N, C-alpha and C. Protein backbone atom coordinates (compact mmCIF):
# COMPACT_ATOMS: atom_id res chain seq x y z
N MET A 1 0.85 -1.17 0.00
CA MET A 1 0.00 0.00 0.00
C MET A 1 0.89 1.23 0.00
N SER A 2 0.62 2.18 -0.88
CA SER A 2 1.45 3.38 -0.95
C SER A 2 0.69 4.56 -0.36
N GLY A 3 1.42 5.64 -0.09
CA GLY A 3 0.81 6.84 0.45
C GLY A 3 0.65 6.76 1.95
N THR A 4 -0.10 7.69 2.47
CA THR A 4 -0.33 7.77 3.91
C THR A 4 -1.34 6.71 4.34
N ARG A 5 -1.03 6.09 5.46
CA ARG A 5 -1.96 5.15 6.08
C ARG A 5 -2.23 5.67 7.48
N VAL A 6 -3.43 5.50 7.94
CA VAL A 6 -3.80 5.91 9.29
C VAL A 6 -4.21 4.65 10.05
N VAL A 7 -3.61 4.49 11.23
CA VAL A 7 -3.96 3.35 12.07
C VAL A 7 -4.37 3.84 13.45
N VAL A 8 -5.35 3.15 13.99
CA VAL A 8 -5.81 3.38 15.35
C VAL A 8 -5.23 2.24 16.18
N THR A 9 -4.55 2.57 17.27
CA THR A 9 -3.95 1.54 18.11
C THR A 9 -4.78 1.36 19.38
N PHE A 10 -4.58 0.23 20.02
CA PHE A 10 -5.37 -0.13 21.20
C PHE A 10 -4.47 -0.60 22.33
N ARG A 11 -4.93 -0.41 23.55
CA ARG A 11 -4.18 -0.89 24.72
C ARG A 11 -4.38 -2.39 24.94
N THR A 12 -5.57 -2.88 24.55
CA THR A 12 -5.87 -4.30 24.78
C THR A 12 -6.52 -4.91 23.54
N THR A 13 -6.45 -6.21 23.45
CA THR A 13 -7.12 -6.94 22.38
C THR A 13 -8.63 -6.77 22.50
N THR A 14 -9.13 -6.69 23.72
CA THR A 14 -10.56 -6.50 23.95
C THR A 14 -11.04 -5.20 23.32
N GLN A 15 -10.25 -4.12 23.46
CA GLN A 15 -10.60 -2.85 22.83
C GLN A 15 -10.63 -2.99 21.30
N ALA A 16 -9.64 -3.68 20.76
CA ALA A 16 -9.56 -3.86 19.31
C ALA A 16 -10.77 -4.64 18.80
N MET A 17 -11.14 -5.68 19.49
CA MET A 17 -12.26 -6.50 19.06
C MET A 17 -13.59 -5.74 19.18
N ALA A 18 -13.74 -4.95 20.23
CA ALA A 18 -14.95 -4.14 20.40
C ALA A 18 -15.04 -3.10 19.28
N TRP A 19 -13.90 -2.51 18.94
CA TRP A 19 -13.84 -1.51 17.86
C TRP A 19 -14.27 -2.15 16.54
N GLU A 20 -13.73 -3.33 16.24
CA GLU A 20 -14.07 -4.02 14.99
C GLU A 20 -15.57 -4.32 14.94
N LYS A 21 -16.11 -4.85 16.00
CA LYS A 21 -17.54 -5.20 16.04
C LYS A 21 -18.40 -3.96 15.83
N ALA A 22 -18.11 -2.89 16.55
CA ALA A 22 -18.91 -1.67 16.46
C ALA A 22 -18.80 -1.03 15.08
N CYS A 23 -17.61 -1.02 14.51
CA CYS A 23 -17.43 -0.42 13.18
C CYS A 23 -18.18 -1.21 12.12
N LYS A 24 -18.10 -2.53 12.20
CA LYS A 24 -18.82 -3.35 11.23
C LYS A 24 -20.33 -3.15 11.35
N GLU A 25 -20.84 -3.12 12.59
CA GLU A 25 -22.27 -2.93 12.80
C GLU A 25 -22.74 -1.55 12.31
N ALA A 26 -21.89 -0.54 12.46
CA ALA A 26 -22.25 0.83 12.07
C ALA A 26 -21.91 1.13 10.61
N GLY A 27 -21.30 0.17 9.91
CA GLY A 27 -20.93 0.38 8.52
C GLY A 27 -19.78 1.36 8.34
N LEU A 28 -18.91 1.46 9.33
CA LEU A 28 -17.78 2.38 9.27
C LEU A 28 -16.60 1.73 8.55
N PRO A 29 -15.77 2.54 7.90
CA PRO A 29 -14.67 2.01 7.11
C PRO A 29 -13.52 1.50 7.97
N GLY A 30 -12.71 0.65 7.36
CA GLY A 30 -11.50 0.17 8.00
C GLY A 30 -11.50 -1.33 8.19
N ARG A 31 -10.35 -1.79 8.69
CA ARG A 31 -10.22 -3.23 8.97
C ARG A 31 -9.15 -3.44 10.01
N LEU A 32 -9.27 -4.52 10.75
CA LEU A 32 -8.31 -4.89 11.77
C LEU A 32 -7.09 -5.51 11.10
N ILE A 33 -5.90 -5.06 11.50
CA ILE A 33 -4.64 -5.56 10.92
C ILE A 33 -3.65 -5.84 12.03
N PRO A 34 -2.62 -6.64 11.77
CA PRO A 34 -1.53 -6.78 12.74
C PRO A 34 -0.84 -5.42 12.89
N MET A 35 -0.34 -5.14 14.08
CA MET A 35 0.33 -3.87 14.33
C MET A 35 1.49 -3.67 13.37
N PRO A 36 1.53 -2.54 12.65
CA PRO A 36 2.67 -2.26 11.77
C PRO A 36 3.97 -2.24 12.56
N VAL A 37 5.05 -2.69 11.94
CA VAL A 37 6.34 -2.79 12.65
C VAL A 37 6.88 -1.44 13.10
N GLN A 38 6.44 -0.36 12.47
CA GLN A 38 6.91 0.97 12.84
C GLN A 38 6.37 1.44 14.19
N ILE A 39 5.37 0.76 14.71
CA ILE A 39 4.68 1.20 15.91
C ILE A 39 4.93 0.21 17.05
N SER A 40 5.19 0.75 18.21
CA SER A 40 5.29 -0.06 19.42
C SER A 40 4.08 0.29 20.28
N ALA A 41 3.22 -0.66 20.53
CA ALA A 41 2.02 -0.42 21.32
C ALA A 41 1.70 -1.65 22.16
N GLU A 42 0.79 -1.47 23.10
CA GLU A 42 0.46 -2.53 24.04
C GLU A 42 -0.21 -3.74 23.39
N CYS A 43 -1.02 -3.49 22.39
CA CYS A 43 -1.79 -4.55 21.74
C CYS A 43 -1.20 -4.83 20.37
N GLY A 44 -1.27 -6.05 19.90
CA GLY A 44 -0.70 -6.41 18.62
C GLY A 44 -1.60 -6.15 17.43
N LEU A 45 -2.72 -5.43 17.65
CA LEU A 45 -3.67 -5.17 16.58
C LEU A 45 -3.86 -3.67 16.38
N ALA A 46 -4.23 -3.29 15.17
CA ALA A 46 -4.53 -1.90 14.85
C ALA A 46 -5.68 -1.87 13.86
N TRP A 47 -6.37 -0.74 13.79
CA TRP A 47 -7.46 -0.56 12.85
C TRP A 47 -6.97 0.36 11.75
N LEU A 48 -6.92 -0.14 10.54
CA LEU A 48 -6.45 0.62 9.38
C LEU A 48 -7.63 1.35 8.76
N ILE A 49 -7.48 2.67 8.58
CA ILE A 49 -8.57 3.45 8.02
C ILE A 49 -8.06 4.33 6.87
N PRO A 50 -8.95 4.67 5.95
CA PRO A 50 -8.58 5.61 4.89
C PRO A 50 -8.31 6.98 5.51
N PRO A 51 -7.24 7.65 5.11
CA PRO A 51 -6.91 8.96 5.70
C PRO A 51 -8.06 9.96 5.66
N LEU A 52 -8.82 9.98 4.59
CA LEU A 52 -9.92 10.94 4.47
C LEU A 52 -11.09 10.63 5.40
N GLU A 53 -11.12 9.44 5.96
CA GLU A 53 -12.20 9.03 6.85
C GLU A 53 -11.85 9.22 8.33
N LYS A 54 -10.64 9.65 8.62
CA LYS A 54 -10.15 9.71 10.01
C LYS A 54 -11.05 10.54 10.92
N ASP A 55 -11.36 11.76 10.54
CA ASP A 55 -12.10 12.65 11.43
C ASP A 55 -13.50 12.13 11.74
N ILE A 56 -14.22 11.69 10.70
CA ILE A 56 -15.58 11.19 10.93
C ILE A 56 -15.55 9.91 11.76
N LEU A 57 -14.57 9.07 11.51
CA LEU A 57 -14.48 7.82 12.27
C LEU A 57 -14.21 8.10 13.74
N LEU A 58 -13.35 9.04 14.04
CA LEU A 58 -13.04 9.36 15.44
C LEU A 58 -14.24 10.01 16.14
N LEU A 59 -15.00 10.80 15.42
CA LEU A 59 -16.22 11.37 16.00
C LEU A 59 -17.23 10.27 16.33
N ARG A 60 -17.37 9.32 15.42
CA ARG A 60 -18.28 8.19 15.66
C ARG A 60 -17.78 7.32 16.81
N ALA A 61 -16.48 7.20 16.94
CA ALA A 61 -15.91 6.41 18.05
C ALA A 61 -16.33 7.02 19.39
N ILE A 62 -16.33 8.34 19.47
CA ILE A 62 -16.77 9.01 20.69
C ILE A 62 -18.24 8.72 20.94
N GLU A 63 -19.05 8.84 19.90
CA GLU A 63 -20.48 8.57 20.03
C GLU A 63 -20.75 7.13 20.47
N LEU A 64 -19.93 6.20 19.97
CA LEU A 64 -20.11 4.78 20.28
C LEU A 64 -19.37 4.36 21.55
N ASN A 65 -18.69 5.33 22.20
CA ASN A 65 -17.92 5.07 23.42
C ASN A 65 -16.84 4.01 23.22
N LEU A 66 -16.16 4.09 22.08
CA LEU A 66 -15.09 3.15 21.78
C LEU A 66 -13.77 3.69 22.30
N LYS A 67 -13.00 2.83 22.92
CA LYS A 67 -11.70 3.21 23.48
C LYS A 67 -10.59 2.86 22.50
N TYR A 68 -9.54 3.69 22.50
CA TYR A 68 -8.35 3.41 21.71
C TYR A 68 -7.18 4.13 22.36
N ALA A 69 -5.97 3.71 21.98
CA ALA A 69 -4.76 4.29 22.58
C ALA A 69 -4.29 5.51 21.80
N ASP A 70 -4.21 5.41 20.48
CA ASP A 70 -3.61 6.48 19.68
C ASP A 70 -4.07 6.37 18.23
N VAL A 71 -3.90 7.46 17.50
CA VAL A 71 -4.15 7.49 16.05
C VAL A 71 -2.85 7.96 15.42
N ILE A 72 -2.30 7.14 14.53
CA ILE A 72 -0.98 7.40 13.97
C ILE A 72 -1.05 7.40 12.44
N GLU A 73 -0.43 8.41 11.85
CA GLU A 73 -0.32 8.46 10.39
C GLU A 73 1.05 7.94 10.00
N LEU A 74 1.07 6.97 9.09
CA LEU A 74 2.32 6.37 8.61
C LEU A 74 2.48 6.71 7.14
N GLN A 75 3.71 6.95 6.74
CA GLN A 75 4.02 7.23 5.34
C GLN A 75 4.38 5.94 4.64
């Protein structure tokens, strides 16, 4: 994949799985992936999202009370 990628990281696998379930049910973009090697985080999973969808997805995460550790843009 070329260009900028945006990943949402999680502190726990439980957070990652809850995020995946809620996003799928709400029809939100993205997919669960193994943590990119450039990132060191507590959980081995991340949610990959299209860069243009970042803001709306994070607003919906607040509405859905979804927890996450960080949002990181990778080149």
